[in-house]
Amino acid sequence: MLTDYVKSWFQRADEDLALIEVILKEESFSPNPVCFHAQQAAEKYLKGFLAYHDLHTRKIHDLEALVEDCVKIDKSFGALKDSAGFLDQFYIGSRYPDDYIEFSRNDAKKAYEAAIKIKNFILGKIK
């Protein structure tokens, strides 16, 4: 059952995705915010899935580790490892000056696609 708590994880993830969609419509969009919000959306969907299974969500931002937690519930989550690994680079690299990486528009589009893939995979598992 989708509790209010689980729904709140998914709602916040969808807010990240909606923001990405607004940014991508701009002709001269900056890729880094897109990359960051894609990572955030995927993280929130993974944590929502874990919450759906009444598992305590760790306060981490490592998507590969979260996917491993999900694999313990459903081995098919292994299919998300590549997407999670790709998105992991954006949590730090897209935001902090000391570690700042200027990502490309292509990176941003791929990040959005990876987040959507994770979202759709998870929604397919709980419906």
N, C-alpha and C. Protein backbone atom coordinates (compact mmCIF):
# COMPACT_ATOMS: atom_id res chain seq x y z
N MET A 1 0.83 -1.19 0.00
CA MET A 1 0.00 0.00 0.00
C MET A 1 0.88 1.25 0.00
N LEU A 2 0.44 2.24 -0.76
CA LEU A 2 1.18 3.49 -0.80
C LEU A 2 0.75 4.37 0.36
N THR A 3 1.56 4.39 1.38
CA THR A 3 1.28 5.25 2.53
C THR A 3 1.57 6.70 2.16
N ASP A 4 1.12 7.61 3.00
CA ASP A 4 1.41 9.03 2.77
C ASP A 4 2.92 9.27 2.75
N TYR A 5 3.64 8.52 3.57
CA TYR A 5 5.09 8.68 3.62
C TYR A 5 5.73 8.29 2.29
N VAL A 6 5.31 7.16 1.75
CA VAL A 6 5.84 6.71 0.46
C VAL A 6 5.44 7.70 -0.64
N LYS A 7 4.20 8.11 -0.62
CA LYS A 7 3.72 9.08 -1.62
C LYS A 7 4.53 10.37 -1.56
N SER A 8 4.93 10.77 -0.35
CA SER A 8 5.70 12.02 -0.23
C SER A 8 7.08 11.88 -0.88
N TRP A 9 7.70 10.71 -0.78
CA TRP A 9 8.97 10.48 -1.48
C TRP A 9 8.78 10.65 -2.98
N PHE A 10 7.74 10.01 -3.51
CA PHE A 10 7.50 10.06 -4.95
C PHE A 10 7.09 11.46 -5.41
N GLN A 11 6.32 12.15 -4.59
CA GLN A 11 5.91 13.51 -4.95
C GLN A 11 7.12 14.43 -5.05
N ARG A 12 8.02 14.33 -4.11
CA ARG A 12 9.21 15.18 -4.15
C ARG A 12 10.11 14.82 -5.33
N ALA A 13 10.17 13.54 -5.66
CA ALA A 13 10.92 13.13 -6.84
C ALA A 13 10.29 13.71 -8.11
N ASP A 14 8.97 13.67 -8.17
CA ASP A 14 8.28 14.22 -9.33
C ASP A 14 8.47 15.73 -9.44
N GLU A 15 8.63 16.40 -8.31
CA GLU A 15 8.93 17.84 -8.34
C GLU A 15 10.29 18.08 -8.99
N ASP A 16 11.26 17.24 -8.67
CA ASP A 16 12.58 17.35 -9.31
C ASP A 16 12.45 17.14 -10.81
N LEU A 17 11.69 16.12 -11.21
CA LEU A 17 11.53 15.83 -12.64
C LEU A 17 10.79 16.96 -13.36
N ALA A 18 9.79 17.53 -12.71
CA ALA A 18 9.05 18.65 -13.32
C ALA A 18 9.97 19.86 -13.52
N LEU A 19 10.84 20.10 -12.56
CA LEU A 19 11.80 21.20 -12.70
C LEU A 19 12.73 20.95 -13.88
N ILE A 20 13.19 19.72 -14.02
CA ILE A 20 14.05 19.37 -15.17
C ILE A 20 13.32 19.67 -16.48
N GLU A 21 12.06 19.30 -16.55
CA GLU A 21 11.31 19.50 -17.78
C GLU A 21 11.20 20.98 -18.13
N VAL A 22 11.05 21.83 -17.12
CA VAL A 22 11.02 23.28 -17.35
C VAL A 22 12.38 23.76 -17.86
N ILE A 23 13.44 23.30 -17.22
CA ILE A 23 14.79 23.73 -17.60
C ILE A 23 15.11 23.29 -19.03
N LEU A 24 14.75 22.05 -19.38
CA LEU A 24 15.09 21.52 -20.70
C LEU A 24 14.37 22.27 -21.84
N LYS A 25 13.29 22.94 -21.53
CA LYS A 25 12.57 23.71 -22.56
C LYS A 25 13.31 24.98 -22.95
N GLU A 26 14.20 25.42 -22.08
CA GLU A 26 14.97 26.64 -22.36
C GLU A 26 16.05 26.34 -23.40
N GLU A 27 16.18 27.23 -24.36
CA GLU A 27 17.15 27.04 -25.43
C GLU A 27 18.59 26.96 -24.89
N SER A 28 18.90 27.80 -23.93
CA SER A 28 20.27 27.85 -23.41
C SER A 28 20.33 27.36 -21.96
N PHE A 29 19.77 26.18 -21.72
CA PHE A 29 19.74 25.67 -20.35
C PHE A 29 21.13 25.29 -19.85
N SER A 30 21.29 25.40 -18.55
CA SER A 30 22.52 24.97 -17.90
C SER A 30 22.38 23.49 -17.54
N PRO A 31 23.31 22.65 -17.97
CA PRO A 31 23.17 21.22 -17.74
C PRO A 31 23.32 20.78 -16.28
N ASN A 32 24.11 21.50 -15.49
CA ASN A 32 24.40 21.02 -14.14
C ASN A 32 23.17 20.91 -13.24
N PRO A 33 22.27 21.88 -13.23
CA PRO A 33 21.07 21.70 -12.40
C PRO A 33 20.22 20.51 -12.85
N VAL A 34 20.16 20.28 -14.15
CA VAL A 34 19.42 19.12 -14.66
C VAL A 34 20.04 17.84 -14.12
N CYS A 35 21.36 17.74 -14.21
CA CYS A 35 22.06 16.54 -13.73
C CYS A 35 21.80 16.32 -12.24
N PHE A 36 21.91 17.39 -11.46
CA PHE A 36 21.70 17.26 -10.02
C PHE A 36 20.27 16.82 -9.71
N HIS A 37 19.29 17.45 -10.32
CA HIS A 37 17.89 17.11 -10.00
C HIS A 37 17.52 15.72 -10.51
N ALA A 38 18.17 15.25 -11.57
CA ALA A 38 17.94 13.87 -12.02
C ALA A 38 18.45 12.89 -10.97
N GLN A 39 19.63 13.17 -10.42
CA GLN A 39 20.17 12.32 -9.35
C GLN A 39 19.22 12.33 -8.16
N GLN A 40 18.74 13.51 -7.81
CA GLN A 40 17.84 13.64 -6.67
C GLN A 40 16.53 12.89 -6.88
N ALA A 41 15.96 12.99 -8.07
CA ALA A 41 14.71 12.29 -8.36
C ALA A 41 14.90 10.78 -8.23
N ALA A 42 15.98 10.27 -8.79
CA ALA A 42 16.24 8.83 -8.70
C ALA A 42 16.43 8.40 -7.25
N GLU A 43 17.17 9.20 -6.50
CA GLU A 43 17.39 8.89 -5.08
C GLU A 43 16.07 8.80 -4.33
N LYS A 44 15.19 9.75 -4.57
CA LYS A 44 13.91 9.78 -3.86
C LYS A 44 13.01 8.62 -4.28
N TYR A 45 13.05 8.24 -5.54
CA TYR A 45 12.27 7.07 -5.95
C TYR A 45 12.81 5.80 -5.30
N LEU A 46 14.11 5.64 -5.26
CA LEU A 46 14.70 4.46 -4.61
C LEU A 46 14.36 4.43 -3.13
N LYS A 47 14.47 5.56 -2.46
CA LYS A 47 14.14 5.61 -1.03
C LYS A 47 12.65 5.38 -0.81
N GLY A 48 11.82 5.85 -1.73
CA GLY A 48 10.39 5.59 -1.64
C GLY A 48 10.08 4.11 -1.77
N PHE A 49 10.78 3.43 -2.66
CA PHE A 49 10.59 1.98 -2.81
C PHE A 49 10.97 1.26 -1.53
N LEU A 50 12.08 1.66 -0.94
CA LEU A 50 12.50 1.04 0.32
C LEU A 50 11.48 1.32 1.42
N ALA A 51 10.97 2.53 1.47
CA ALA A 51 9.94 2.87 2.46
C ALA A 51 8.67 2.06 2.21
N TYR A 52 8.34 1.82 0.97
CA TYR A 52 7.18 1.00 0.60
C TYR A 52 7.28 -0.39 1.23
N HIS A 53 8.51 -0.86 1.34
CA HIS A 53 8.77 -2.17 1.95
C HIS A 53 9.12 -2.06 3.43
N ASP A 54 8.76 -0.94 4.03
CA ASP A 54 8.96 -0.69 5.46
C ASP A 54 10.41 -0.81 5.90
N LEU A 55 11.31 -0.46 5.01
CA LEU A 55 12.73 -0.46 5.36
C LEU A 55 13.17 0.96 5.65
N HIS A 56 13.96 1.10 6.67
CA HIS A 56 14.49 2.41 7.05
C HIS A 56 15.37 2.92 5.92
N THR A 57 15.13 4.13 5.49
CA THR A 57 15.94 4.69 4.42
C THR A 57 17.16 5.37 5.03
N ARG A 58 18.31 4.88 4.61
CA ARG A 58 19.56 5.44 5.12
C ARG A 58 19.74 6.86 4.58
N LYS A 59 20.39 7.69 5.37
CA LYS A 59 20.65 9.07 4.95
C LYS A 59 21.94 9.09 4.14
N ILE A 60 21.82 8.54 2.94
CA ILE A 60 22.95 8.51 2.01
C ILE A 60 22.46 9.04 0.67
N HIS A 61 23.41 9.34 -0.19
CA HIS A 61 23.08 9.84 -1.52
C HIS A 61 23.70 8.95 -2.60
N ASP A 62 24.19 7.80 -2.21
CA ASP A 62 24.85 6.85 -3.10
C ASP A 62 23.79 5.96 -3.75
N LEU A 63 23.48 6.24 -5.00
CA LEU A 63 22.42 5.50 -5.68
C LEU A 63 22.76 4.04 -5.87
N GLU A 64 24.03 3.74 -6.12
CA GLU A 64 24.41 2.34 -6.28
C GLU A 64 24.17 1.57 -4.98
N ALA A 65 24.45 2.17 -3.86
CA ALA A 65 24.19 1.51 -2.57
C ALA A 65 22.69 1.34 -2.35
N LEU A 66 21.90 2.33 -2.74
CA LEU A 66 20.45 2.22 -2.60
C LEU A 66 19.90 1.12 -3.51
N VAL A 67 20.44 1.02 -4.71
CA VAL A 67 20.03 -0.07 -5.61
C VAL A 67 20.36 -1.41 -4.98
N GLU A 68 21.53 -1.52 -4.37
CA GLU A 68 21.90 -2.78 -3.69
C GLU A 68 20.90 -3.11 -2.58
N ASP A 69 20.45 -2.10 -1.85
CA ASP A 69 19.42 -2.32 -0.83
C ASP A 69 18.14 -2.85 -1.48
N CYS A 70 17.79 -2.30 -2.63
CA CYS A 70 16.59 -2.74 -3.34
C CYS A 70 16.75 -4.15 -3.90
N VAL A 71 17.96 -4.50 -4.33
CA VAL A 71 18.24 -5.85 -4.85
C VAL A 71 17.95 -6.90 -3.78
N LYS A 72 18.15 -6.56 -2.53
CA LYS A 72 17.86 -7.50 -1.44
C LYS A 72 16.37 -7.83 -1.37
N ILE A 73 15.54 -6.94 -1.88
CA ILE A 73 14.10 -7.15 -1.91
C ILE A 73 13.69 -7.82 -3.22
N ASP A 74 14.30 -7.35 -4.32
CA ASP A 74 13.93 -7.81 -5.65
C ASP A 74 15.19 -7.80 -6.52
N LYS A 75 15.66 -8.98 -6.87
CA LYS A 75 16.92 -9.09 -7.62
C LYS A 75 16.90 -8.37 -8.96
N SER A 76 15.73 -8.16 -9.52
CA SER A 76 15.66 -7.50 -10.83
C SER A 76 16.13 -6.04 -10.78
N PHE A 77 16.26 -5.48 -9.57
CA PHE A 77 16.79 -4.12 -9.44
C PHE A 77 18.24 -4.03 -9.91
N GLY A 78 18.89 -5.16 -10.07
CA GLY A 78 20.24 -5.16 -10.62
C GLY A 78 20.30 -4.48 -11.98
N ALA A 79 19.17 -4.47 -12.68
CA ALA A 79 19.10 -3.82 -14.00
C ALA A 79 19.28 -2.31 -13.91
N LEU A 80 19.20 -1.75 -12.72
CA LEU A 80 19.34 -0.30 -12.54
C LEU A 80 20.75 0.13 -12.15
N LYS A 81 21.65 -0.83 -12.00
CA LYS A 81 22.99 -0.48 -11.53
C LYS A 81 23.70 0.52 -12.43
N ASP A 82 23.62 0.33 -13.73
CA ASP A 82 24.31 1.25 -14.64
C ASP A 82 23.72 2.66 -14.57
N SER A 83 22.41 2.75 -14.54
CA SER A 83 21.76 4.07 -14.44
C SER A 83 22.13 4.75 -13.13
N ALA A 84 22.12 3.98 -12.05
CA ALA A 84 22.48 4.54 -10.74
C ALA A 84 23.92 5.02 -10.73
N GLY A 85 24.81 4.20 -11.27
CA GLY A 85 26.22 4.58 -11.32
C GLY A 85 26.44 5.85 -12.13
N PHE A 86 25.74 5.96 -13.25
CA PHE A 86 25.84 7.16 -14.08
C PHE A 86 25.37 8.39 -13.31
N LEU A 87 24.26 8.27 -12.62
CA LEU A 87 23.69 9.42 -11.89
C LEU A 87 24.50 9.79 -10.65
N ASP A 88 25.21 8.83 -10.07
CA ASP A 88 25.98 9.11 -8.84
C ASP A 88 26.99 10.24 -9.02
N GLN A 89 27.55 10.38 -10.19
CA GLN A 89 28.58 11.41 -10.41
C GLN A 89 28.05 12.83 -10.26
N PHE A 90 26.73 12.99 -10.32
CA PHE A 90 26.16 14.33 -10.33
C PHE A 90 25.87 14.90 -8.96
N TYR A 91 25.86 14.09 -7.92
CA TYR A 91 25.50 14.61 -6.60
C TYR A 91 26.50 15.67 -6.13
N ILE A 92 27.76 15.39 -6.25
CA ILE A 92 28.80 16.34 -5.83
C ILE A 92 29.27 17.18 -7.01
N GLY A 93 29.59 16.52 -8.10
CA GLY A 93 30.24 17.18 -9.24
C GLY A 93 29.45 18.29 -9.88
N SER A 94 28.13 18.30 -9.68
CA SER A 94 27.32 19.34 -10.32
C SER A 94 27.10 20.56 -9.44
N ARG A 95 27.63 20.53 -8.20
CA ARG A 95 27.25 21.59 -7.26
C ARG A 95 28.38 22.30 -6.56
N TYR A 96 29.39 21.60 -6.12
CA TYR A 96 30.38 22.20 -5.22
C TYR A 96 31.61 22.69 -5.97
N PRO A 97 32.07 23.92 -5.69
CA PRO A 97 33.18 24.51 -6.43
C PRO A 97 34.45 23.67 -6.45
N ASP A 98 34.81 23.06 -5.34
CA ASP A 98 36.06 22.30 -5.30
C ASP A 98 36.01 21.07 -6.19
N ASP A 99 34.83 20.53 -6.39
CA ASP A 99 34.68 19.31 -7.19
C ASP A 99 33.87 19.55 -8.46
N TYR A 100 33.68 20.80 -8.82
CA TYR A 100 32.77 21.16 -9.90
C TYR A 100 33.24 20.62 -11.24
N ILE A 101 32.31 20.01 -11.92
CA ILE A 101 32.54 19.52 -13.28
C ILE A 101 31.48 20.17 -14.15
N GLU A 102 31.87 20.71 -15.26
CA GLU A 102 30.90 21.30 -16.19
C GLU A 102 30.38 20.18 -17.08
N PHE A 103 29.17 19.74 -16.80
CA PHE A 103 28.58 18.65 -17.57
C PHE A 103 27.98 19.20 -18.86
N SER A 104 27.82 18.32 -19.83
CA SER A 104 27.31 18.72 -21.14
C SER A 104 25.78 18.61 -21.19
N ARG A 105 25.23 19.20 -22.22
CA ARG A 105 23.79 19.08 -22.44
C ARG A 105 23.42 17.63 -22.70
N ASN A 106 24.29 16.92 -23.36
CA ASN A 106 24.05 15.49 -23.61
C ASN A 106 24.03 14.73 -22.29
N ASP A 107 24.95 15.06 -21.38
CA ASP A 107 24.95 14.44 -20.04
C ASP A 107 23.61 14.71 -19.35
N ALA A 108 23.14 15.95 -19.46
CA ALA A 108 21.88 16.33 -18.80
C ALA A 108 20.71 15.53 -19.35
N LYS A 109 20.65 15.39 -20.65
CA LYS A 109 19.55 14.63 -21.25
C LYS A 109 19.62 13.16 -20.86
N LYS A 110 20.83 12.61 -20.83
CA LYS A 110 21.00 11.21 -20.41
C LYS A 110 20.64 11.04 -18.93
N ALA A 111 20.99 12.03 -18.12
CA ALA A 111 20.66 11.97 -16.69
C ALA A 111 19.15 11.96 -16.50
N TYR A 112 18.46 12.81 -17.22
CA TYR A 112 16.99 12.85 -17.15
C TYR A 112 16.41 11.50 -17.57
N GLU A 113 16.92 10.95 -18.66
CA GLU A 113 16.44 9.64 -19.14
C GLU A 113 16.70 8.55 -18.11
N ALA A 114 17.85 8.59 -17.45
CA ALA A 114 18.17 7.59 -16.42
C ALA A 114 17.23 7.71 -15.23
N ALA A 115 16.92 8.93 -14.84
CA ALA A 115 15.98 9.14 -13.73
C ALA A 115 14.59 8.63 -14.08
N ILE A 116 14.16 8.89 -15.31
CA ILE A 116 12.84 8.41 -15.76
C ILE A 116 12.83 6.89 -15.80
N LYS A 117 13.92 6.29 -16.23
CA LYS A 117 14.01 4.82 -16.26
C LYS A 117 13.84 4.26 -14.85
N ILE A 118 14.52 4.85 -13.88
CA ILE A 118 14.41 4.38 -12.49
C ILE A 118 12.99 4.59 -11.98
N LYS A 119 12.42 5.74 -12.25
CA LYS A 119 11.04 6.01 -11.83
C LYS A 119 10.09 4.96 -12.39
N ASN A 120 10.12 4.75 -13.69
CA ASN A 120 9.19 3.81 -14.33
C ASN A 120 9.40 2.38 -13.84
N PHE A 121 10.65 2.00 -13.62
CA PHE A 121 10.94 0.66 -13.11
C PHE A 121 10.29 0.48 -11.74
N ILE A 122 10.47 1.45 -10.87
CA ILE A 122 9.94 1.36 -9.51
C ILE A 122 8.41 1.38 -9.52
N LEU A 123 7.83 2.28 -10.27
CA LEU A 123 6.36 2.33 -10.32
C LEU A 123 5.79 1.02 -10.86
N GLY A 124 6.51 0.39 -11.77
CA GLY A 124 6.08 -0.91 -12.27
C GLY A 124 6.13 -2.01 -11.23
N LYS A 125 6.95 -1.82 -10.23
CA LYS A 125 7.10 -2.83 -9.16
C LYS A 125 6.06 -2.69 -8.06
N ILE A 126 5.49 -1.52 -7.91
CA ILE A 126 4.58 -1.33 -6.77
C ILE A 126 3.11 -1.24 -7.16
N LYS A 127 2.82 -1.31 -8.44
CA LYS A 127 1.42 -1.21 -8.87
C LYS A 127 0.84 -2.56 -9.18
